[in-house]
C-alpha atoms as a PDB file:
ATOM      1  CA  MET A   1       5.542 -38.251  13.742  1.00  0.00           C
ATOM      2  CA  LYS A   2       3.311 -37.575  16.734  1.00  0.00           C
ATOM      3  CA  THR A   3       0.008 -35.815  16.076  1.00  0.00           C
ATOM      4  CA  GLY A   4       0.822 -33.030  18.513  1.00  0.00           C
ATOM      5  CA  THR A   5       4.066 -32.333  16.711  1.00  0.00           C
ATOM      6  CA  THR A   6       2.272 -32.322  13.349  1.00  0.00           C
ATOM      7  CA  LEU A   7      -0.293 -29.797  14.536  1.00  0.00           C
ATOM      8  CA  THR A   8       2.386 -27.606  16.087  1.00  0.00           C
ATOM      9  CA  SER A   9       4.254 -27.636  12.784  1.00  0.00           C
ATOM     10  CA  MET A  10       1.087 -26.746  10.873  1.00  0.00           C
ATOM     11  CA  PHE A  11       0.240 -23.787  13.056  1.00  0.00           C
ATOM     12  CA  ALA A  12       3.877 -22.636  13.091  1.00  0.00           C
ATOM     13  CA  ARG A  13       3.521 -22.287   9.334  1.00  0.00           C
ATOM     14  CA  SER A  14       0.276 -20.310   9.527  1.00  0.00           C
ATOM     15  CA  PRO A  15       0.336 -17.608   6.850  1.00  0.00           C
ATOM     16  CA  PHE A  16      -1.548 -14.958   8.774  1.00  0.00           C
ATOM     17  CA  LYS A  17       1.252 -13.622  10.947  1.00  0.00           C
ATOM     18  CA  PRO A  18       3.696 -13.199   8.032  1.00  0.00           C
ATOM     19  CA  LEU A  19       0.854 -11.690   5.968  1.00  0.00           C
ATOM     20  CA  GLN A  20       0.374  -9.083   8.684  1.00  0.00           C
ATOM     21  CA  LYS A  21       4.125  -8.579   8.986  1.00  0.00           C
ATOM     22  CA  HIS A  22       4.283  -8.021   5.252  1.00  0.00           C
ATOM     23  CA  MET A  23       1.583  -5.350   5.439  1.00  0.00           C
ATOM     24  CA  GLU A  24       3.345  -3.657   8.362  1.00  0.00           C
ATOM     25  CA  THR A  25       6.505  -3.461   6.245  1.00  0.00           C
ATOM     26  CA  VAL A  26       4.568  -2.235   3.205  1.00  0.00           C
ATOM     27  CA  ASN A  27       2.956   0.461   5.347  1.00  0.00           C
ATOM     28  CA  ALA A  28       6.356   1.501   6.705  1.00  0.00           C
ATOM     29  CA  CYS A  29       7.553   1.803   3.110  1.00  0.00           C
ATOM     30  CA  ALA A  30       4.589   3.997   2.164  1.00  0.00           C
ATOM     31  CA  GLN A  31       5.147   6.232   5.201  1.00  0.00           C
ATOM     32  CA  GLU A  32       8.429   7.374   3.622  1.00  0.00           C
ATOM     33  CA  VAL A  33       6.668   8.781   0.551  1.00  0.00           C
ATOM     34  CA  PRO A  34       5.534  12.131   2.073  1.00  0.00           C
ATOM     35  CA  GLY A  35       9.135  12.848   3.111  1.00  0.00           C
ATOM     36  CA  LEU A  36      10.179  12.135  -0.453  1.00  0.00           C
ATOM     37  CA  PHE A  37       7.814  14.803  -1.759  1.00  0.00           C
ATOM     38  CA  ASP A  38       8.739  17.212   1.043  1.00  0.00           C
ATOM     39  CA  ALA A  39      12.343  16.933  -0.119  1.00  0.00           C
ATOM     40  CA  LEU A  40      11.270  17.502  -3.721  1.00  0.00           C
ATOM     41  CA  ILE A  41       9.286  20.617  -2.799  1.00  0.00           C
ATOM     42  CA  ALA A  42      12.227  21.938  -0.741  1.00  0.00           C
ATOM     43  CA  ASP A  43      14.654  21.064  -3.567  1.00  0.00           C
ATOM     44  CA  ASP A  44      16.722  19.114  -1.008  1.00  0.00           C
ATOM     45  CA  LYS A  45      18.484  16.477  -3.091  1.00  0.00           C
ATOM     46  CA  ALA A  46      20.252  14.895  -0.106  1.00  0.00           C
ATOM     47  CA  ALA A  47      16.948  14.399   1.715  1.00  0.00           C
ATOM     48  CA  LEU A  48      15.406  13.089  -1.500  1.00  0.00           C
ATOM     49  CA  GLU A  49      18.153  10.490  -1.864  1.00  0.00           C
ATOM     50  CA  LYS A  50      17.808   9.501   1.795  1.00  0.00           C
ATOM     51  CA  ALA A  51      14.043   9.004   1.462  1.00  0.00           C
ATOM     52  CA  LYS A  52      14.579   7.000  -1.731  1.00  0.00           C
ATOM     53  CA  ASP A  53      17.062   4.716   0.020  1.00  0.00           C
ATOM     54  CA  ALA A  54      14.618   4.131   2.888  1.00  0.00           C
ATOM     55  CA  ILE A  55      11.825   3.243   0.452  1.00  0.00           C
ATOM     56  CA  PHE A  56      14.030   0.870  -1.523  1.00  0.00           C
ATOM     57  CA  ALA A  57      15.245  -0.858   1.656  1.00  0.00           C
ATOM     58  CA  LYS A  58      11.713  -1.348   2.991  1.00  0.00           C
ATOM     59  CA  GLU A  59      10.410  -2.525  -0.369  1.00  0.00           C
ATOM     60  CA  GLU A  60      13.199  -5.114  -0.422  1.00  0.00           C
ATOM     61  CA  ALA A  61      12.264  -6.223   3.114  1.00  0.00           C
ATOM     62  CA  ALA A  62       8.633  -6.577   2.018  1.00  0.00           C
ATOM     63  CA  ASP A  63       9.746  -8.672  -0.970  1.00  0.00           C
ATOM     64  CA  GLU A  64      11.670 -11.005   1.318  1.00  0.00           C
ATOM     65  CA  ILE A  65       8.604 -11.594   3.488  1.00  0.00           C
ATOM     66  CA  LYS A  66       6.437 -12.066   0.381  1.00  0.00           C
ATOM     67  CA  ASN A  67       8.782 -14.646  -1.115  1.00  0.00           C
ATOM     68  CA  GLU A  68       9.062 -16.554   2.184  1.00  0.00           C
ATOM     69  CA  LEU A  69       5.305 -16.626   2.541  1.00  0.00           C
ATOM     70  CA  ARG A  70       4.793 -17.853  -1.005  1.00  0.00           C
ATOM     71  CA  MET A  71       7.345 -20.622  -0.491  1.00  0.00           C
ATOM     72  CA  HIS A  72       5.852 -21.841   2.778  1.00  0.00           C
ATOM     73  CA  LEU A  73       2.170 -21.146   2.312  1.00  0.00           C
ATOM     74  CA  PRO A  74       0.414 -24.365   3.372  1.00  0.00           C
ATOM     75  CA  ASN A  75      -1.790 -26.268   0.964  1.00  0.00           C
ATOM     76  CA  SER A  76      -3.681 -27.766   3.880  1.00  0.00           C
ATOM     77  CA  LEU A  77      -7.426 -28.276   3.561  1.00  0.00           C
ATOM     78  CA  PHE A  78      -7.635 -27.118   7.180  1.00  0.00           C
ATOM     79  CA  MET A  79      -6.788 -23.524   6.290  1.00  0.00           C
ATOM     80  CA  PRO A  80      -9.765 -21.290   7.175  1.00  0.00           C
ATOM     81  CA  VAL A  81      -9.478 -19.366   3.874  1.00  0.00           C
ATOM     82  CA  ASP A  82      -8.655 -20.235   0.298  1.00  0.00           C
ATOM     83  CA  ARG A  83      -4.948 -20.250  -0.577  1.00  0.00           C
ATOM     84  CA  ARG A  84      -5.583 -18.329  -3.806  1.00  0.00           C
ATOM     85  CA  ASP A  85      -7.386 -15.554  -1.921  1.00  0.00           C
ATOM     86  CA  LEU A  86      -4.420 -15.139   0.417  1.00  0.00           C
ATOM     87  CA  LEU A  87      -1.996 -14.943  -2.503  1.00  0.00           C
ATOM     88  CA  GLU A  88      -4.141 -12.299  -4.195  1.00  0.00           C
ATOM     89  CA  LEU A  89      -4.277 -10.286  -0.968  1.00  0.00           C
ATOM     90  CA  LEU A  90      -0.500 -10.601  -0.676  1.00  0.00           C
ATOM     91  CA  ASP A  91      -0.070  -9.326  -4.243  1.00  0.00           C
ATOM     92  CA  MET A  92      -2.324  -6.316  -3.571  1.00  0.00           C
ATOM     93  CA  GLN A  93      -0.289  -5.434  -0.485  1.00  0.00           C
ATOM     94  CA  ASP A  94       2.976  -5.863  -2.330  1.00  0.00           C
ATOM     95  CA  SER A  95       1.851  -3.576  -5.150  1.00  0.00           C
ATOM     96  CA  ILE A  96       1.759  -0.701  -2.638  1.00  0.00           C
ATOM     97  CA  ALA A  97       5.469  -1.072  -1.858  1.00  0.00           C
ATOM     98  CA  ASP A  98       6.298  -1.597  -5.546  1.00  0.00           C
ATOM     99  CA  THR A  99       4.491   1.634  -6.410  1.00  0.00           C
ATOM    100  CA  ALA A 100       6.297   3.574  -3.674  1.00  0.00           C
ATOM    101  CA  GLN A 101       9.560   2.308  -5.153  1.00  0.00           C
ATOM    102  CA  ASP A 102       8.502   3.398  -8.656  1.00  0.00           C
ATOM    103  CA  ILE A 103       7.705   6.891  -7.362  1.00  0.00           C
ATOM    104  CA  ALA A 104      11.039   7.154  -5.549  1.00  0.00           C
ATOM    105  CA  GLY A 105      12.950   5.888  -8.563  1.00  0.00           C
ATOM    106  CA  LEU A 106      11.356   8.448 -10.887  1.00  0.00           C
ATOM    107  CA  LEU A 107      11.946  11.375  -8.527  1.00  0.00           C
ATOM    108  CA  VAL A 108      15.624  10.502  -8.175  1.00  0.00           C
ATOM    109  CA  GLU A 109      16.338   9.509 -11.773  1.00  0.00           C
ATOM    110  CA  ARG A 110      14.648  12.546 -13.353  1.00  0.00           C
ATOM    111  CA  ASP A 111      15.113  16.138 -12.287  1.00  0.00           C
ATOM    112  CA  MET A 112      11.551  17.114 -11.342  1.00  0.00           C
ATOM    113  CA  THR A 113      10.409  20.612 -10.392  1.00  0.00           C
ATOM    114  CA  VAL A 114       7.025  21.169  -8.753  1.00  0.00           C
ATOM    115  CA  PRO A 115       4.850  23.326 -11.027  1.00  0.00           C
ATOM    116  CA  PRO A 116       4.007  26.754  -9.547  1.00  0.00           C
ATOM    117  CA  GLY A 117       1.111  26.795  -7.092  1.00  0.00           C
ATOM    118  CA  MET A 118       0.856  23.003  -6.800  1.00  0.00           C
ATOM    119  CA  ALA A 119       3.052  22.308  -3.755  1.00  0.00           C
ATOM    120  CA  ASP A 120       0.362  22.534  -1.049  1.00  0.00           C
ATOM    121  CA  ASP A 121      -2.216  20.474  -2.914  1.00  0.00           C
ATOM    122  CA  LEU A 122       0.437  17.954  -3.910  1.00  0.00           C
ATOM    123  CA  SER A 123       1.480  17.514  -0.281  1.00  0.00           C
ATOM    124  CA  LYS A 124      -2.158  17.094   0.818  1.00  0.00           C
ATOM    125  CA  PHE A 125      -2.796  14.536  -1.926  1.00  0.00           C
ATOM    126  CA  VAL A 126       0.289  12.485  -1.077  1.00  0.00           C
ATOM    127  CA  ARG A 127      -0.510  12.407   2.631  1.00  0.00           C
ATOM    128  CA  ARG A 128      -4.116  11.402   2.028  1.00  0.00           C
ATOM    129  CA  CYS A 129      -2.995   8.527  -0.180  1.00  0.00           C
ATOM    130  CA  VAL A 130      -0.655   7.366   2.583  1.00  0.00           C
ATOM    131  CA  ASP A 131      -3.492   7.710   5.123  1.00  0.00           C
ATOM    132  CA  THR A 132      -5.379   5.222   2.980  1.00  0.00           C
ATOM    133  CA  VAL A 133      -2.491   2.758   3.179  1.00  0.00           C
ATOM    134  CA  THR A 134      -2.419   3.203   6.958  1.00  0.00           C
ATOM    135  CA  LYS A 135      -6.123   2.378   7.160  1.00  0.00           C
ATOM    136  CA  ALA A 136      -5.583  -0.750   5.065  1.00  0.00           C
ATOM    137  CA  ALA A 137      -2.791  -1.828   7.425  1.00  0.00           C
ATOM    138  CA  GLU A 138      -5.155  -1.380  10.381  1.00  0.00           C
ATOM    139  CA  ILE A 139      -7.682  -3.624   8.668  1.00  0.00           C
ATOM    140  CA  ILE A 140      -5.142  -6.358   7.914  1.00  0.00           C
ATOM    141  CA  GLY A 141      -4.091  -6.124  11.564  1.00  0.00           C
ATOM    142  CA  GLU A 142      -7.588  -7.339  12.494  1.00  0.00           C
ATOM    143  CA  ILE A 143      -7.092 -10.771  10.912  1.00  0.00           C
ATOM    144  CA  ASP A 144      -6.223 -12.410  14.255  1.00  0.00           C
ATOM    145  CA  ASP A 145      -9.518 -11.291  15.787  1.00  0.00           C
ATOM    146  CA  LEU A 146     -11.373 -12.314  12.649  1.00  0.00           C
ATOM    147  CA  LEU A 147      -9.910 -15.802  12.892  1.00  0.00           C
ATOM    148  CA  ALA A 148     -10.878 -16.042  16.548  1.00  0.00           C
ATOM    149  CA  SER A 149     -14.463 -15.097  15.666  1.00  0.00           C
ATOM    150  CA  GLY A 150     -14.660 -17.443  12.691  1.00  0.00           C
ATOM    151  CA  PHE A 151     -14.929 -14.450  10.343  1.00  0.00           C
ATOM    152  CA  ARG A 152     -18.359 -13.680  11.819  1.00  0.00           C
ATOM    153  CA  GLY A 153     -20.050 -11.643  14.504  1.00  0.00           C
ATOM    154  CA  ARG A 154     -19.156  -8.237  15.902  1.00  0.00           C
ATOM    155  CA  GLU A 155     -15.541  -8.371  14.732  1.00  0.00           C
ATOM    156  CA  ALA A 156     -16.592  -9.021  11.136  1.00  0.00           C
ATOM    157  CA  ILE A 157     -19.059  -6.115  11.288  1.00  0.00           C
ATOM    158  CA  GLU A 158     -16.329  -3.803  12.619  1.00  0.00           C
ATOM    159  CA  VAL A 159     -13.990  -4.809   9.804  1.00  0.00           C
ATOM    160  CA  GLU A 160     -16.760  -4.205   7.249  1.00  0.00           C
ATOM    161  CA  THR A 161     -17.143  -0.692   8.690  1.00  0.00           C
ATOM    162  CA  MET A 162     -13.380  -0.123   8.453  1.00  0.00           C
ATOM    163  CA  VAL A 163     -13.390  -1.255   4.811  1.00  0.00           C
ATOM    164  CA  ASP A 164     -16.202   1.205   4.082  1.00  0.00           C
ATOM    165  CA  GLU A 165     -14.091   3.976   5.632  1.00  0.00           C
ATOM    166  CA  LEU A 166     -11.148   2.837   3.514  1.00  0.00           C
ATOM    167  CA  SER A 167     -13.299   3.181   0.393  1.00  0.00           C
ATOM    168  CA  ARG A 168     -14.298   6.703   1.408  1.00  0.00           C
ATOM    169  CA  LEU A 169     -10.658   7.646   1.865  1.00  0.00           C
ATOM    170  CA  GLU A 170      -9.755   6.235  -1.540  1.00  0.00           C
ATOM    171  CA  SER A 171     -12.607   8.185  -3.139  1.00  0.00           C
ATOM    172  CA  GLU A 172     -11.258  11.346  -1.521  1.00  0.00           C
ATOM    173  CA  THR A 173      -7.830  10.676  -3.018  1.00  0.00           C
ATOM    174  CA  ASP A 174      -9.479  10.284  -6.435  1.00  0.00           C
ATOM    175  CA  ARG A 175     -10.994  13.755  -6.114  1.00  0.00           C
ATOM    176  CA  LEU A 176      -7.716  15.265  -4.917  1.00  0.00           C
ATOM    177  CA  GLY A 177      -5.820  13.575  -7.733  1.00  0.00           C
ATOM    178  CA  MET A 178      -8.216  14.836 -10.392  1.00  0.00           C
ATOM    179  CA  SER A 179      -7.999  18.357  -9.000  1.00  0.00           C
ATOM    180  CA  LEU A 180      -4.202  18.164  -9.057  1.00  0.00           C
ATOM    181  CA  SER A 181      -4.238  16.911 -12.649  1.00  0.00           C
ATOM    182  CA  ARG A 182      -6.408  19.851 -13.708  1.00  0.00           C
ATOM    183  CA  GLN A 183      -3.896  22.204 -12.096  1.00  0.00           C
ATOM    184  CA  LEU A 184      -1.082  20.457 -13.933  1.00  0.00           C
ATOM    185  CA  PHE A 185      -2.772  20.807 -17.317  1.00  0.00           C
ATOM    186  CA  LYS A 186      -3.091  24.562 -16.792  1.00  0.00           C
ATOM    187  CA  HIS A 187       0.716  24.657 -17.066  1.00  0.00           C
ATOM    188  CA  GLU A 188       0.845  22.881 -20.421  1.00  0.00           C
ATOM    189  CA  ASP A 189       1.802  26.089 -22.250  1.00  0.00           C
ATOM    190  CA  THR A 190       4.748  26.764 -19.931  1.00  0.00           C
ATOM    191  CA  MET A 191       6.056  23.209 -19.457  1.00  0.00           C
ATOM    192  CA  SER A 192       7.515  20.773 -21.930  1.00  0.00           C
ATOM    193  CA  ALA A 193       5.209  17.971 -23.034  1.00  0.00           C
ATOM    194  CA  VAL A 194       7.613  15.432 -21.512  1.00  0.00           C
ATOM    195  CA  SER A 195       7.534  17.182 -18.139  1.00  0.00           C
ATOM    196  CA  VAL A 196       3.736  17.232 -18.165  1.00  0.00           C
ATOM    197  CA  MET A 197       3.707  13.527 -19.029  1.00  0.00           C
ATOM    198  CA  PHE A 198       6.058  12.613 -16.186  1.00  0.00           C
ATOM    199  CA  TRP A 199       4.137  14.719 -13.671  1.00  0.00           C
ATOM    200  CA  TYR A 200       0.871  13.144 -14.753  1.00  0.00           C
ATOM    201  CA  GLN A 201       2.422   9.689 -14.331  1.00  0.00           C
ATOM    202  CA  LEU A 202       3.604  10.696 -10.866  1.00  0.00           C
ATOM    203  CA  ILE A 203       0.082  11.742  -9.876  1.00  0.00           C
ATOM    204  CA  ILE A 204      -1.283   8.432 -11.196  1.00  0.00           C
ATOM    205  CA  TRP A 205       1.280   6.363  -9.293  1.00  0.00           C
ATOM    206  CA  THR A 206       0.664   8.271  -6.078  1.00  0.00           C
ATOM    207  CA  GLY A 207      -3.064   7.635  -6.453  1.00  0.00           C
ATOM    208  CA  ASP A 208      -2.252   3.966  -7.036  1.00  0.00           C
ATOM    209  CA  LEU A 209      -0.985   3.752  -3.444  1.00  0.00           C
ATOM    210  CA  ALA A 210      -4.543   4.422  -2.286  1.00  0.00           C
ATOM    211  CA  ASP A 211      -6.038   2.258  -5.016  1.00  0.00           C
ATOM    212  CA  TYR A 212      -4.015  -0.822  -4.051  1.00  0.00           C
ATOM    213  CA  ALA A 213      -4.747  -0.137  -0.381  1.00  0.00           C
ATOM    214  CA  GLU A 214      -8.472  -0.166  -1.114  1.00  0.00           C
ATOM    215  CA  LYS A 215      -8.111  -3.372  -3.141  1.00  0.00           C
ATOM    216  CA  SER A 216      -6.366  -4.993  -0.169  1.00  0.00           C
ATOM    217  CA  GLY A 217      -9.299  -4.102   2.063  1.00  0.00           C
ATOM    218  CA  ASN A 218     -11.796  -5.327  -0.513  1.00  0.00           C
ATOM    219  CA  ARG A 219      -9.909  -8.592  -0.822  1.00  0.00           C
ATOM    220  CA  LEU A 220     -10.261  -9.116   2.926  1.00  0.00           C
ATOM    221  CA  ARG A 221     -13.973  -8.255   2.639  1.00  0.00           C
ATOM    222  CA  LEU A 222     -14.250 -11.027   0.050  1.00  0.00           C
ATOM    223  CA  LEU A 223     -12.772 -13.458   2.578  1.00  0.00           C
ATOM    224  CA  LEU A 224     -15.513 -12.434   4.993  1.00  0.00           C
ATOM    225  CA  ALA A 225     -18.175 -13.019   2.359  1.00  0.00           C
ATOM    226  CA  ARG A 226     -16.936 -16.557   1.773  1.00  0.00           C
END
């Protein structure tokens, strides 16, 4: 085989474009989550089912990209980053879509009613968690420029700044989630223990969207450090 053809084949199998495509799909999946909660708050079961279907479809699309990337990820020594690091970043990204699917599944499978007085804070919390995923997607979108700069220089500094902002967003979601949990526990005397448990799990999973988003950004920061 000619050298030119070999190099073309190698670069055609570069993992960075599909990694970015995967994160775009994961982000699209997460963007459906606020609509899911809006439907819950409005007690609109048709809208809830529609949002669930959209999340499941986008999670499946993300899985397809993930599996393709895993199958074709090059073992070449010429890759600019470690193969294991890329796989760990991929797993962090994929956990966001998996969590969105878990949330959607719970809200459809169990009849959930928003505790009194929690709707506004719940909506704010959900949207801030999704904002964190959006920020992570912006960071992953910078990989092309990072590659061009050799993971150094001004571009690397800008990405470091974006990761710091991502961490601040995730910390904000932690505070919002804890506040929401305290509100939930005030209803313990008027709600069944099972309902409190499921609502607490829902708050945890929603916060996990932001947590996995932050871990994705931190994983990219680790690539910069190496």
